[in-house]
C-alpha atoms as a PDB file:
ATOM      1  CA  MET A   1       0.053   0.004  -0.022  1.00  0.00           C
ATOM      2  CA  THR A   2       1.659   3.407  -1.261  1.00  0.00           C
ATOM      3  CA  SER A   3       1.494   5.998   1.860  1.00  0.00           C
ATOM      4  CA  GLY A   4       0.261   9.333   1.013  1.00  0.00           C
ATOM      5  CA  PRO A   5       2.764  12.119   0.628  1.00  0.00           C
ATOM      6  CA  LYS A   6       4.587  13.319   3.792  1.00  0.00           C
ATOM      7  CA  LYS A   7       3.361  16.591   5.499  1.00  0.00           C
ATOM      8  CA  ALA A   8       5.704  18.918   7.044  1.00  0.00           C
ATOM      9  CA  LYS A   9       6.098  19.293  10.183  1.00  0.00           C
ATOM     10  CA  ALA A  10       5.886  22.156  12.278  1.00  0.00           C
ATOM     11  CA  ILE A  11       9.473  24.257  13.167  1.00  0.00           C
ATOM     12  CA  ASP A  12       9.657  25.652  16.724  1.00  0.00           C
ATOM     13  CA  THR A  13      12.074  28.840  15.691  1.00  0.00           C
ATOM     14  CA  GLU A  14      12.914  29.330  19.556  1.00  0.00           C
ATOM     15  CA  THR A  15      14.141  25.300  19.886  1.00  0.00           C
ATOM     16  CA  VAL A  16      15.821  26.052  16.744  1.00  0.00           C
ATOM     17  CA  ARG A  17      17.608  29.045  17.662  1.00  0.00           C
ATOM     18  CA  GLN A  18      18.690  27.124  21.079  1.00  0.00           C
ATOM     19  CA  LYS A  19      20.392  24.405  18.629  1.00  0.00           C
ATOM     20  CA  VAL A  20      22.305  26.430  16.535  1.00  0.00           C
ATOM     21  CA  ALA A  21      23.790  28.359  19.834  1.00  0.00           C
ATOM     22  CA  GLU A  22      24.386  24.880  21.163  1.00  0.00           C
ATOM     23  CA  LEU A  23      26.764  24.037  17.817  1.00  0.00           C
ATOM     24  CA  ILE A  24      28.545  27.423  17.656  1.00  0.00           C
ATOM     25  CA  ASN A  25      29.423  27.229  20.935  1.00  0.00           C
ATOM     26  CA  ASN A  26      30.794  23.530  20.541  1.00  0.00           C
ATOM     27  CA  PHE A  27      32.791  24.883  17.370  1.00  0.00           C
ATOM     28  CA  GLU A  28      34.960  27.074  20.010  1.00  0.00           C
ATOM     29  CA  ALA A  29      36.522  23.364  20.171  1.00  0.00           C
ATOM     30  CA  GLU A  30      37.235  23.055  16.846  1.00  0.00           C
ATOM     31  CA  LEU A  31      38.981  26.690  16.147  1.00  0.00           C
ATOM     32  CA  ARG A  32      41.416  25.203  18.293  1.00  0.00           C
ATOM     33  CA  SER A  33      42.356  22.545  16.495  1.00  0.00           C
ATOM     34  CA  GLY A  34      44.744  22.901  13.482  1.00  0.00           C
ATOM     35  CA  ASP A  35      42.801  20.313  11.604  1.00  0.00           C
ATOM     36  CA  LEU A  36      40.876  22.420   8.244  1.00  0.00           C
ATOM     37  CA  ARG A  37      38.764  19.764   7.595  1.00  0.00           C
ATOM     38  CA  MET A  38      37.573  19.182  11.226  1.00  0.00           C
ATOM     39  CA  LYS A  39      36.441  22.608  11.125  1.00  0.00           C
ATOM     40  CA  VAL A  40      34.445  22.292   7.798  1.00  0.00           C
ATOM     41  CA  LEU A  41      32.511  19.273   9.252  1.00  0.00           C
ATOM     42  CA  ALA A  42      31.827  21.271  12.141  1.00  0.00           C
ATOM     43  CA  LEU A  43      29.903  23.771  10.587  1.00  0.00           C
ATOM     44  CA  ILE A  44      27.925  21.670   8.114  1.00  0.00           C
ATOM     45  CA  PRO A  45      25.417  21.181  10.994  1.00  0.00           C
ATOM     46  CA  ILE A  46      25.313  25.010  11.782  1.00  0.00           C
ATOM     47  CA  PHE A  47      24.627  25.477   8.405  1.00  0.00           C
ATOM     48  CA  HIS A  48      21.685  22.803   7.659  1.00  0.00           C
ATOM     49  CA  LYS A  49      19.958  24.689  11.254  1.00  0.00           C
ATOM     50  CA  LEU A  50      20.707  28.028  10.367  1.00  0.00           C
ATOM     51  CA  ARG A  51      18.460  26.816   7.469  1.00  0.00           C
ATOM     52  CA  GLU A  52      15.815  25.139   9.454  1.00  0.00           C
ATOM     53  CA  MET A  53      15.685  28.437  11.274  1.00  0.00           C
ATOM     54  CA  GLY A  54      14.885  30.431   8.287  1.00  0.00           C
ATOM     55  CA  LYS A  55      11.952  28.017   6.942  1.00  0.00           C
ATOM     56  CA  SER A  56      10.781  28.202  10.385  1.00  0.00           C
ATOM     57  CA  LEU A  57      10.325  32.075  10.713  1.00  0.00           C
ATOM     58  CA  ILE A  58       6.882  31.444   8.074  1.00  0.00           C
ATOM     59  CA  PRO A  59       4.560  29.443   9.669  1.00  0.00           C
ATOM     60  CA  ILE A  60       3.764  26.126   8.502  1.00  0.00           C
ATOM     61  CA  GLU A  61      -0.258  26.706   7.726  1.00  0.00           C
ATOM     62  CA  HIS A  62       0.948  30.100   5.916  1.00  0.00           C
ATOM     63  CA  ALA A  63       3.238  28.307   3.609  1.00  0.00           C
ATOM     64  CA  SER A  64       4.872  24.392   3.720  1.00  0.00           C
ATOM     65  CA  ALA A  65       6.873  24.246   0.270  1.00  0.00           C
ATOM     66  CA  ALA A  66      10.070  26.313  -0.477  1.00  0.00           C
ATOM     67  CA  ARG A  67       7.980  28.255  -3.014  1.00  0.00           C
ATOM     68  CA  ASP A  68       4.954  28.921  -0.772  1.00  0.00           C
ATOM     69  CA  ARG A  69       7.439  30.513   1.373  1.00  0.00           C
ATOM     70  CA  ILE A  70       8.819  33.069  -1.212  1.00  0.00           C
ATOM     71  CA  LEU A  71       5.469  34.170  -2.477  1.00  0.00           C
ATOM     72  CA  PHE A  72       3.787  34.308   1.496  1.00  0.00           C
ATOM     73  CA  TYR A  73       7.171  36.727   1.715  1.00  0.00           C
ATOM     74  CA  PHE A  74       6.684  38.528  -1.325  1.00  0.00           C
ATOM     75  CA  ARG A  75       3.084  39.235  -0.476  1.00  0.00           C
ATOM     76  CA  GLN A  76       3.782  40.524   2.901  1.00  0.00           C
ATOM     77  CA  TYR A  77       5.434  43.600   1.451  1.00  0.00           C
ATOM     78  CA  PRO A  78       4.514  44.274  -2.259  1.00  0.00           C
ATOM     79  CA  GLY A  79       6.027  46.826  -4.192  1.00  0.00           C
ATOM     80  CA  THR A  80       9.056  46.627  -1.479  1.00  0.00           C
ATOM     81  CA  VAL A  81      12.667  45.505  -2.758  1.00  0.00           C
ATOM     82  CA  ILE A  82      13.642  42.600  -1.297  1.00  0.00           C
ATOM     83  CA  HIS A  83      17.039  41.204  -1.727  1.00  0.00           C
ATOM     84  CA  GLY A  84      18.388  37.595  -3.100  1.00  0.00           C
ATOM     85  CA  ASP A  85      19.795  36.628   0.602  1.00  0.00           C
ATOM     86  CA  GLU A  86      16.412  37.533   2.158  1.00  0.00           C
ATOM     87  CA  LEU A  87      14.534  34.674   0.045  1.00  0.00           C
ATOM     88  CA  LEU A  88      17.558  32.321   0.698  1.00  0.00           C
ATOM     89  CA  VAL A  89      16.684  33.115   4.219  1.00  0.00           C
ATOM     90  CA  VAL A  90      12.886  32.049   3.765  1.00  0.00           C
ATOM     91  CA  SER A  91      12.763  29.608   1.108  1.00  0.00           C
ATOM     92  CA  GLY A  92      15.667  27.290   3.190  1.00  0.00           C
ATOM     93  CA  ILE A  93      17.386  26.101  -0.159  1.00  0.00           C
ATOM     94  CA  GLN A  94      19.723  26.694  -2.041  1.00  0.00           C
ATOM     95  CA  GLU A  95      18.052  26.655  -5.588  1.00  0.00           C
ATOM     96  CA  TYR A  96      15.578  29.340  -4.572  1.00  0.00           C
ATOM     97  CA  ALA A  97      15.995  30.833  -7.630  1.00  0.00           C
ATOM     98  CA  ARG A  98      14.505  28.525  -9.566  1.00  0.00           C
ATOM     99  CA  ARG A  99      11.446  28.661  -7.869  1.00  0.00           C
ATOM    100  CA  LEU A 100      11.215  32.193  -7.931  1.00  0.00           C
ATOM    101  CA  ARG A 101      11.359  31.541 -11.818  1.00  0.00           C
ATOM    102  CA  GLU A 102       8.516  29.381 -11.344  1.00  0.00           C
ATOM    103  CA  LEU A 103       6.455  32.186  -9.796  1.00  0.00           C
ATOM    104  CA  ARG A 104       7.532  34.571 -12.035  1.00  0.00           C
ATOM    105  CA  VAL A 105       6.765  32.291 -15.765  1.00  0.00           C
ATOM    106  CA  GLN A 106       4.390  29.306 -14.563  1.00  0.00           C
ATOM    107  CA  PHE A 107       2.312  31.104 -11.903  1.00  0.00           C
ATOM    108  CA  GLY A 108       2.389  34.591 -13.419  1.00  0.00           C
ATOM    109  CA  TRP A 109       3.404  36.406 -10.696  1.00  0.00           C
ATOM    110  CA  THR A 110       4.639  40.274 -11.391  1.00  0.00           C
ATOM    111  CA  ILE A 111       8.234  39.495  -9.569  1.00  0.00           C
ATOM    112  CA  VAL A 112      10.863  40.988 -11.429  1.00  0.00           C
ATOM    113  CA  ASN A 113      14.479  41.819 -10.747  1.00  0.00           C
ATOM    114  CA  GLY A 114      17.009  44.538 -11.547  1.00  0.00           C
ATOM    115  CA  ASP A 115      17.786  43.411 -15.079  1.00  0.00           C
ATOM    116  CA  THR A 116      14.267  43.466 -16.405  1.00  0.00           C
ATOM    117  CA  ILE A 117      13.815  46.578 -14.725  1.00  0.00           C
ATOM    118  CA  LYS A 118      17.090  47.957 -16.360  1.00  0.00           C
ATOM    119  CA  GLU A 119      15.668  46.590 -19.663  1.00  0.00           C
ATOM    120  CA  MET A 120      12.389  48.328 -19.421  1.00  0.00           C
ATOM    121  CA  CYS A 121      13.759  51.240 -18.629  1.00  0.00           C
ATOM    122  CA  ALA A 122      17.088  51.231 -21.546  1.00  0.00           C
ATOM    123  CA  GLU A 123      13.345  50.609 -23.743  1.00  0.00           C
ATOM    124  CA  GLY A 124      12.333  54.416 -22.580  1.00  0.00           C
ATOM    125  CA  ALA A 125       9.327  52.564 -19.888  1.00  0.00           C
ATOM    126  CA  ASP A 126       8.866  55.843 -17.867  1.00  0.00           C
ATOM    127  CA  GLU A 127       6.400  53.914 -15.378  1.00  0.00           C
ATOM    128  CA  ILE A 128       9.008  52.107 -13.451  1.00  0.00           C
ATOM    129  CA  PRO A 129       8.928  53.575  -9.705  1.00  0.00           C
ATOM    130  CA  GLU A 130      11.864  56.133  -9.299  1.00  0.00           C
ATOM    131  CA  ALA A 131      12.595  53.852  -6.004  1.00  0.00           C
ATOM    132  CA  LEU A 132      12.985  50.491  -8.416  1.00  0.00           C
ATOM    133  CA  ILE A 133      15.174  52.105 -11.075  1.00  0.00           C
ATOM    134  CA  SER A 134      18.578  51.409  -8.808  1.00  0.00           C
ATOM    135  CA  MET A 135      17.623  47.509  -8.593  1.00  0.00           C
ATOM    136  CA  LYS A 136      20.426  45.260  -8.848  1.00  0.00           C
ATOM    137  CA  PRO A 137      20.351  41.681 -10.755  1.00  0.00           C
ATOM    138  CA  ASN A 138      19.862  39.894  -7.358  1.00  0.00           C
ATOM    139  CA  GLU A 139      16.866  42.149  -5.961  1.00  0.00           C
ATOM    140  CA  TYR A 140      13.755  41.592  -6.516  1.00  0.00           C
ATOM    141  CA  VAL A 141      10.239  43.141  -6.070  1.00  0.00           C
ATOM    142  CA  LEU A 142       6.594  41.778  -6.259  1.00  0.00           C
ATOM    143  CA  LEU A 143       4.914  44.781  -8.338  1.00  0.00           C
ATOM    144  CA  ASN A 144       1.073  43.320  -7.994  1.00  0.00           C
ATOM    145  CA  ALA A 145       0.001  41.272  -5.347  1.00  0.00           C
ATOM    146  CA  LYS A 146      -3.081  39.919  -7.389  1.00  0.00           C
ATOM    147  CA  GLU A 147      -3.155  36.080  -7.697  1.00  0.00           C
ATOM    148  CA  ASP A 148      -3.499  35.223 -11.809  1.00  0.00           C
ATOM    149  CA  ARG A 149      -5.380  32.320 -12.571  1.00  0.00           C
ATOM    150  CA  ASP A 150      -4.693  32.346 -16.368  1.00  0.00           C
ATOM    151  CA  ALA A 151      -1.223  32.567 -15.594  1.00  0.00           C
ATOM    152  CA  ALA A 152      -0.672  28.563 -16.353  1.00  0.00           C
ATOM    153  CA  TYR A 153      -2.480  28.603 -19.485  1.00  0.00           C
ATOM    154  CA  ARG A 154      -0.214  31.534 -20.830  1.00  0.00           C
ATOM    155  CA  TRP A 155       2.619  29.482 -19.267  1.00  0.00           C
ATOM    156  CA  ARG A 156       2.244  26.231 -21.469  1.00  0.00           C
ATOM    157  CA  VAL A 157       1.790  28.425 -24.573  1.00  0.00           C
ATOM    158  CA  ALA A 158       4.890  30.325 -23.909  1.00  0.00           C
ATOM    159  CA  ASN A 159       6.555  27.254 -23.370  1.00  0.00           C
ATOM    160  CA  LYS A 160       5.448  25.592 -26.614  1.00  0.00           C
ATOM    161  CA  ILE A 161       6.290  29.169 -28.981  1.00  0.00           C
ATOM    162  CA  ARG A 162       9.317  29.741 -26.961  1.00  0.00           C
ATOM    163  CA  LYS A 163      10.781  26.732 -28.612  1.00  0.00           C
ATOM    164  CA  GLU A 164       9.570  27.078 -32.414  1.00  0.00           C
ATOM    165  CA  HIS A 165      12.100  28.613 -35.002  1.00  0.00           C
ATOM    166  CA  GLY A 166      11.669  31.747 -35.857  1.00  0.00           C
ATOM    167  CA  SER A 167      13.022  35.657 -34.595  1.00  0.00           C
ATOM    168  CA  VAL A 168      12.354  36.748 -31.239  1.00  0.00           C
ATOM    169  CA  ARG A 169       9.977  39.882 -32.610  1.00  0.00           C
ATOM    170  CA  ASP A 170       7.750  36.976 -34.327  1.00  0.00           C
ATOM    171  CA  LYS A 171       8.051  34.464 -30.975  1.00  0.00           C
ATOM    172  CA  ILE A 172       6.783  38.119 -29.345  1.00  0.00           C
ATOM    173  CA  LEU A 173       4.001  38.791 -31.476  1.00  0.00           C
ATOM    174  CA  LYS A 174       2.420  35.350 -31.697  1.00  0.00           C
ATOM    175  CA  PHE A 175       2.149  35.333 -28.224  1.00  0.00           C
ATOM    176  CA  LEU A 176       0.402  38.423 -27.878  1.00  0.00           C
ATOM    177  CA  ARG A 177      -1.859  37.680 -30.880  1.00  0.00           C
ATOM    178  CA  VAL A 178      -2.681  34.261 -28.885  1.00  0.00           C
ATOM    179  CA  ASN A 179      -3.750  36.125 -25.710  1.00  0.00           C
ATOM    180  CA  ILE A 180      -5.314  39.299 -27.521  1.00  0.00           C
ATOM    181  CA  GLY A 181      -7.033  41.223 -24.892  1.00  0.00           C
ATOM    182  CA  ARG A 182      -5.234  39.828 -22.072  1.00  0.00           C
ATOM    183  CA  MET A 183      -2.785  40.927 -19.889  1.00  0.00           C
ATOM    184  CA  VAL A 184       1.057  39.280 -19.833  1.00  0.00           C
ATOM    185  CA  THR A 185       3.673  40.110 -17.848  1.00  0.00           C
ATOM    186  CA  ASN A 186       6.989  41.195 -18.873  1.00  0.00           C
ATOM    187  CA  GLU A 187       8.739  38.524 -17.159  1.00  0.00           C
ATOM    188  CA  GLU A 188       6.399  36.138 -19.545  1.00  0.00           C
ATOM    189  CA  LEU A 189       7.628  38.095 -22.760  1.00  0.00           C
ATOM    190  CA  ARG A 190      11.013  37.572 -21.360  1.00  0.00           C
ATOM    191  CA  TYR A 191      10.856  33.902 -20.970  1.00  0.00           C
ATOM    192  CA  VAL A 192       9.233  33.447 -24.949  1.00  0.00           C
ATOM    193  CA  ALA A 193      12.013  35.603 -25.683  1.00  0.00           C
ATOM    194  CA  GLY A 194      14.519  32.908 -24.732  1.00  0.00           C
ATOM    195  CA  ASP A 195      15.468  35.138 -21.876  1.00  0.00           C
ATOM    196  CA  LYS A 196      17.362  37.630 -24.330  1.00  0.00           C
ATOM    197  CA  THR A 197      17.797  41.104 -23.482  1.00  0.00           C
ATOM    198  CA  GLU A 198      16.726  42.307 -26.662  1.00  0.00           C
ATOM    199  CA  TRP A 199      13.019  41.259 -26.102  1.00  0.00           C
ATOM    200  CA  ALA A 200      11.814  45.408 -24.579  1.00  0.00           C
ATOM    201  CA  ARG A 201      13.180  46.515 -27.700  1.00  0.00           C
ATOM    202  CA  ARG A 202      11.121  43.800 -29.728  1.00  0.00           C
ATOM    203  CA  VAL A 203       8.124  44.887 -27.875  1.00  0.00           C
ATOM    204  CA  ARG A 204       8.535  48.909 -28.644  1.00  0.00           C
ATOM    205  CA  GLU A 205       9.457  47.820 -32.683  1.00  0.00           C
ATOM    206  CA  LEU A 206       6.107  45.812 -32.764  1.00  0.00           C
ATOM    207  CA  ARG A 207       4.306  48.668 -31.437  1.00  0.00           C
ATOM    208  CA  THR A 208       5.842  51.536 -32.965  1.00  0.00           C
ATOM    209  CA  GLU A 209       6.871  50.185 -36.275  1.00  0.00           C
ATOM    210  CA  ASN A 210       4.967  47.462 -37.429  1.00  0.00           C
ATOM    211  CA  GLY A 211       1.620  49.222 -35.781  1.00  0.00           C
ATOM    212  CA  TRP A 212       0.121  46.237 -33.583  1.00  0.00           C
ATOM    213  CA  PRO A 213      -1.516  48.024 -30.572  1.00  0.00           C
ATOM    214  CA  ILE A 214       0.453  46.776 -27.471  1.00  0.00           C
ATOM    215  CA  ALA A 215      -0.347  49.241 -24.608  1.00  0.00           C
ATOM    216  CA  THR A 216       1.365  49.812 -21.263  1.00  0.00           C
ATOM    217  CA  LYS A 217       0.592  51.890 -18.297  1.00  0.00           C
ATOM    218  CA  THR A 218       1.639  54.706 -20.402  1.00  0.00           C
ATOM    219  CA  THR A 219       1.267  54.136 -23.791  1.00  0.00           C
ATOM    220  CA  GLY A 220      -2.658  53.726 -23.772  1.00  0.00           C
ATOM    221  CA  ARG A 221      -3.694  52.324 -20.573  1.00  0.00           C
ATOM    222  CA  PRO A 222      -2.871  53.853 -17.598  1.00  0.00           C
ATOM    223  CA  ASP A 223      -5.725  51.484 -15.819  1.00  0.00           C
ATOM    224  CA  ILE A 224      -2.774  48.461 -15.600  1.00  0.00           C
ATOM    225  CA  GLY A 225      -0.311  47.804 -13.520  1.00  0.00           C
ATOM    226  CA  VAL A 226       3.676  48.451 -14.390  1.00  0.00           C
ATOM    227  CA  GLY A 227       5.051  45.371 -16.103  1.00  0.00           C
ATOM    228  CA  PHE A 228       2.119  44.756 -18.047  1.00  0.00           C
ATOM    229  CA  TYR A 229       1.649  44.696 -21.583  1.00  0.00           C
ATOM    230  CA  ILE A 230      -1.760  43.847 -23.799  1.00  0.00           C
ATOM    231  CA  LEU A 231      -2.684  43.580 -27.405  1.00  0.00           C
ATOM    232  CA  GLN A 232      -5.708  45.560 -27.158  1.00  0.00           C
ATOM    233  CA  ALA A 233      -6.650  44.185 -31.132  1.00  0.00           C
ATOM    234  CA  ASP A 234      -5.576  41.752 -33.560  1.00  0.00           C
ATOM    235  CA  ARG A 235      -4.927  44.690 -36.218  1.00  0.00           C
ATOM    236  CA  GLN A 236      -1.913  46.841 -37.112  1.00  0.00           C
ATOM    237  CA  SER A 237      -2.810  50.780 -37.174  1.00  0.00           C
ATOM    238  CA  PRO A 238      -2.338  52.166 -40.928  1.00  0.00           C
ATOM    239  CA  LYS A 239       1.021  52.743 -42.081  1.00  0.00           C
ATOM    240  CA  HIS A 240       0.705  56.318 -42.124  1.00  0.00           C
ATOM    241  CA  ASP A 241       0.279  56.087 -38.129  1.00  0.00           C
ATOM    242  CA  ARG A 242       3.116  54.550 -36.942  1.00  0.00           C
ATOM    243  CA  ASN A 243       6.663  55.454 -36.086  1.00  0.00           C
ATOM    244  CA  ILE A 244       5.191  58.048 -33.626  1.00  0.00           C
ATOM    245  CA  PRO A 245       7.626  58.663 -30.734  1.00  0.00           C
ATOM    246  CA  ASP A 246       6.130  56.856 -27.461  1.00  0.00           C
ATOM    247  CA  ASP A 247       6.721  59.812 -25.106  1.00  0.00           C
ATOM    248  CA  VAL A 248       4.275  61.979 -28.105  1.00  0.00           C
ATOM    249  CA  ARG A 249       2.163  59.014 -27.893  1.00  0.00           C
ATOM    250  CA  ARG A 250       1.977  59.147 -24.526  1.00  0.00           C
ATOM    251  CA  GLU A 251       1.624  63.104 -23.984  1.00  0.00           C
ATOM    252  CA  VAL A 252      -1.281  63.256 -26.254  1.00  0.00           C
ATOM    253  CA  LEU A 253      -3.119  60.458 -24.556  1.00  0.00           C
ATOM    254  CA  ARG A 254      -2.196  62.465 -21.318  1.00  0.00           C
ATOM    255  CA  ARG A 255      -3.649  65.577 -23.012  1.00  0.00           C
ATOM    256  CA  ASP A 256      -6.520  63.946 -24.487  1.00  0.00           C
ATOM    257  CA  GLY A 257      -7.743  62.087 -20.967  1.00  0.00           C
ATOM    258  CA  TYR A 258      -7.155  58.552 -22.642  1.00  0.00           C
ATOM    259  CA  ARG A 259     -10.440  59.537 -24.606  1.00  0.00           C
ATOM    260  CA  CYS A 260     -11.863  59.794 -27.700  1.00  0.00           C
ATOM    261  CA  LYS A 261     -12.181  63.315 -28.616  1.00  0.00           C
ATOM    262  CA  THR A 262     -15.353  62.541 -30.896  1.00  0.00           C
ATOM    263  CA  CYS A 263     -17.298  60.245 -28.972  1.00  0.00           C
ATOM    264  CA  GLY A 264     -15.530  60.420 -25.863  1.00  0.00           C
ATOM    265  CA  TRP A 265     -14.954  56.463 -24.925  1.00  0.00           C
ATOM    266  CA  SER A 266     -12.927  55.282 -23.005  1.00  0.00           C
ATOM    267  CA  HIS A 267     -11.163  52.182 -21.579  1.00  0.00           C
ATOM    268  CA  ASP A 268     -13.627  52.870 -18.673  1.00  0.00           C
ATOM    269  CA  VAL A 269     -16.287  51.348 -20.522  1.00  0.00           C
ATOM    270  CA  TRP A 270     -15.015  48.361 -22.281  1.00  0.00           C
ATOM    271  CA  ASN A 271     -16.291  45.270 -22.224  1.00  0.00           C
ATOM    272  CA  PRO A 272     -15.154  41.676 -23.607  1.00  0.00           C
ATOM    273  CA  SER A 273     -17.714  42.451 -26.152  1.00  0.00           C
ATOM    274  CA  ASP A 274     -16.002  45.608 -27.165  1.00  0.00           C
ATOM    275  CA  PRO A 275     -13.374  45.813 -30.109  1.00  0.00           C
ATOM    276  CA  ARG A 276     -12.653  49.203 -29.859  1.00  0.00           C
ATOM    277  CA  HIS A 277      -9.691  50.621 -28.246  1.00  0.00           C
ATOM    278  CA  LEU A 278      -7.266  54.386 -28.577  1.00  0.00           C
ATOM    279  CA  GLU A 279      -5.433  55.445 -31.642  1.00  0.00           C
ATOM    280  CA  LEU A 280      -3.554  58.423 -32.414  1.00  0.00           C
ATOM    281  CA  HIS A 281      -4.941  60.359 -35.290  1.00  0.00           C
ATOM    282  CA  HIS A 282      -2.993  63.111 -37.833  1.00  0.00           C
ATOM    283  CA  ILE A 283      -5.033  66.280 -37.826  1.00  0.00           C
ATOM    284  CA  THR A 284      -3.470  67.142 -41.365  1.00  0.00           C
ATOM    285  CA  HIS A 285      -2.887  64.034 -42.626  1.00  0.00           C
ATOM    286  CA  HIS A 286       0.388  62.757 -42.867  1.00  0.00           C
ATOM    287  CA  VAL A 287       0.517  62.405 -46.884  1.00  0.00           C
ATOM    288  CA  LYS A 288      -0.145  66.085 -46.618  1.00  0.00           C
ATOM    289  CA  GLY A 289       2.669  66.520 -44.574  1.00  0.00           C
ATOM    290  CA  GLY A 290       1.168  66.071 -41.480  1.00  0.00           C
ATOM    291  CA  ALA A 291       4.241  66.036 -38.527  1.00  0.00           C
ATOM    292  CA  ASN A 292       4.157  63.732 -35.678  1.00  0.00           C
ATOM    293  CA  VAL A 293       3.550  66.059 -33.081  1.00  0.00           C
ATOM    294  CA  GLU A 294       1.630  66.749 -30.287  1.00  0.00           C
ATOM    295  CA  ASN A 295      -0.095  69.755 -31.806  1.00  0.00           C
ATOM    296  CA  ASN A 296      -1.170  67.729 -35.113  1.00  0.00           C
ATOM    297  CA  LEU A 297      -2.235  64.407 -33.298  1.00  0.00           C
ATOM    298  CA  MET A 298      -5.602  63.435 -31.170  1.00  0.00           C
ATOM    299  CA  THR A 299      -6.923  60.460 -29.517  1.00  0.00           C
ATOM    300  CA  LEU A 300      -9.653  58.856 -31.561  1.00  0.00           C
ATOM    301  CA  CYS A 301     -11.428  55.464 -30.748  1.00  0.00           C
ATOM    302  CA  THR A 302     -10.992  52.584 -33.516  1.00  0.00           C
ATOM    303  CA  VAL A 303     -14.383  53.053 -34.767  1.00  0.00           C
ATOM    304  CA  CYS A 304     -14.485  57.100 -35.312  1.00  0.00           C
ATOM    305  CA  HIS A 305     -10.414  56.505 -36.694  1.00  0.00           C
ATOM    306  CA  ASP A 306     -11.875  54.041 -39.379  1.00  0.00           C
ATOM    307  CA  LYS A 307     -14.801  55.996 -40.002  1.00  0.00           C
ATOM    308  CA  ILE A 308     -12.941  58.927 -40.535  1.00  0.00           C
ATOM    309  CA  HIS A 309     -10.365  57.140 -42.829  1.00  0.00           C
ATOM    310  CA  ARG A 310     -13.608  56.172 -44.771  1.00  0.00           C
ATOM    311  CA  GLY A 311     -15.048  59.751 -45.213  1.00  0.00           C
ATOM    312  CA  MET A 312     -17.702  59.471 -42.775  1.00  0.00           C
ATOM    313  CA  PRO A 313     -18.871  61.533 -40.428  1.00  0.00           C
ATOM    314  CA  PRO A 314     -18.243  60.075 -36.902  1.00  0.00           C
ATOM    315  CA  ILE A 315     -20.445  60.863 -34.129  1.00  0.00           C
ATOM    316  CA  SER A 316     -19.059  64.317 -32.634  1.00  0.00           C
ATOM    317  CA  ARG A 317     -19.771  64.884 -29.146  1.00  0.00           C
ATOM    318  CA  HIS A 318     -16.235  66.080 -28.044  1.00  0.00           C
ATOM    319  CA  TRP A 319     -14.487  66.890 -31.567  1.00  0.00           C
ATOM    320  CA  MET A 320     -11.360  69.468 -31.388  1.00  0.00           C
ATOM    321  CA  CYS A 321     -12.797  70.518 -27.725  1.00  0.00           C
END
């Protein structure tokens, strides 16, 4: 008869502390000996007990496994920069980085490290809080403390696309198109890209050069969190509306209150059956010399934008106000 999985036993921190103190006191005798190996061997049980003490800091009823302890710790301090050594302590395992990666990629928790923040900053993401910009590679932060129930599905898709042949940009676009209208994390895009640091640049190219409506907190969707991306529709903007610099795009959207200047539509009233998103329209058309500058651009929803380019009058509520 096969027995079920063993239940983890609760560890009393004070009991472990007393044992660590006893081992350290006993180590004094080893220090006086001249045998290096005996000193090393005497330290091993101290290391094990210290690791046990770290695991005991989080009660077993809250988290019994290393991955659960790491997540519990992050959720106690969302938005706070956590050093890798802290995770080494609370996880109680040497390979905490593997469990951390599972949380980030397989389970969709928006935990980013200093390298990811650096890559986002290098590609012009100005939504990064000042306190995070100086993060180091072995420092991490949980950007969103909400559980993502669709993460397991996205991870399976990401894992499949990651293994396919093709460019980084094509893989990222394929992943986004599978997840139209759903937020994905920067770590998922990084994973799909095979952990290549160019992932952020490729996302920007898809938006600004290829016209895919990929939005972030500052490029059209102030309602989503830092570190999230969303492909709003499976359509590319017209060629004459591409190559608008992200900083100009941000300012126009902010100026117009993230609303269509014609009908007043915004993402605040979006629902799953609504195909619209916001685009920028050239007041003086690009083919007639209209420039990609703020005073020649206005925010329109895709419905009103399409009507204008078909020569139809849109429903005018806020036209040029």
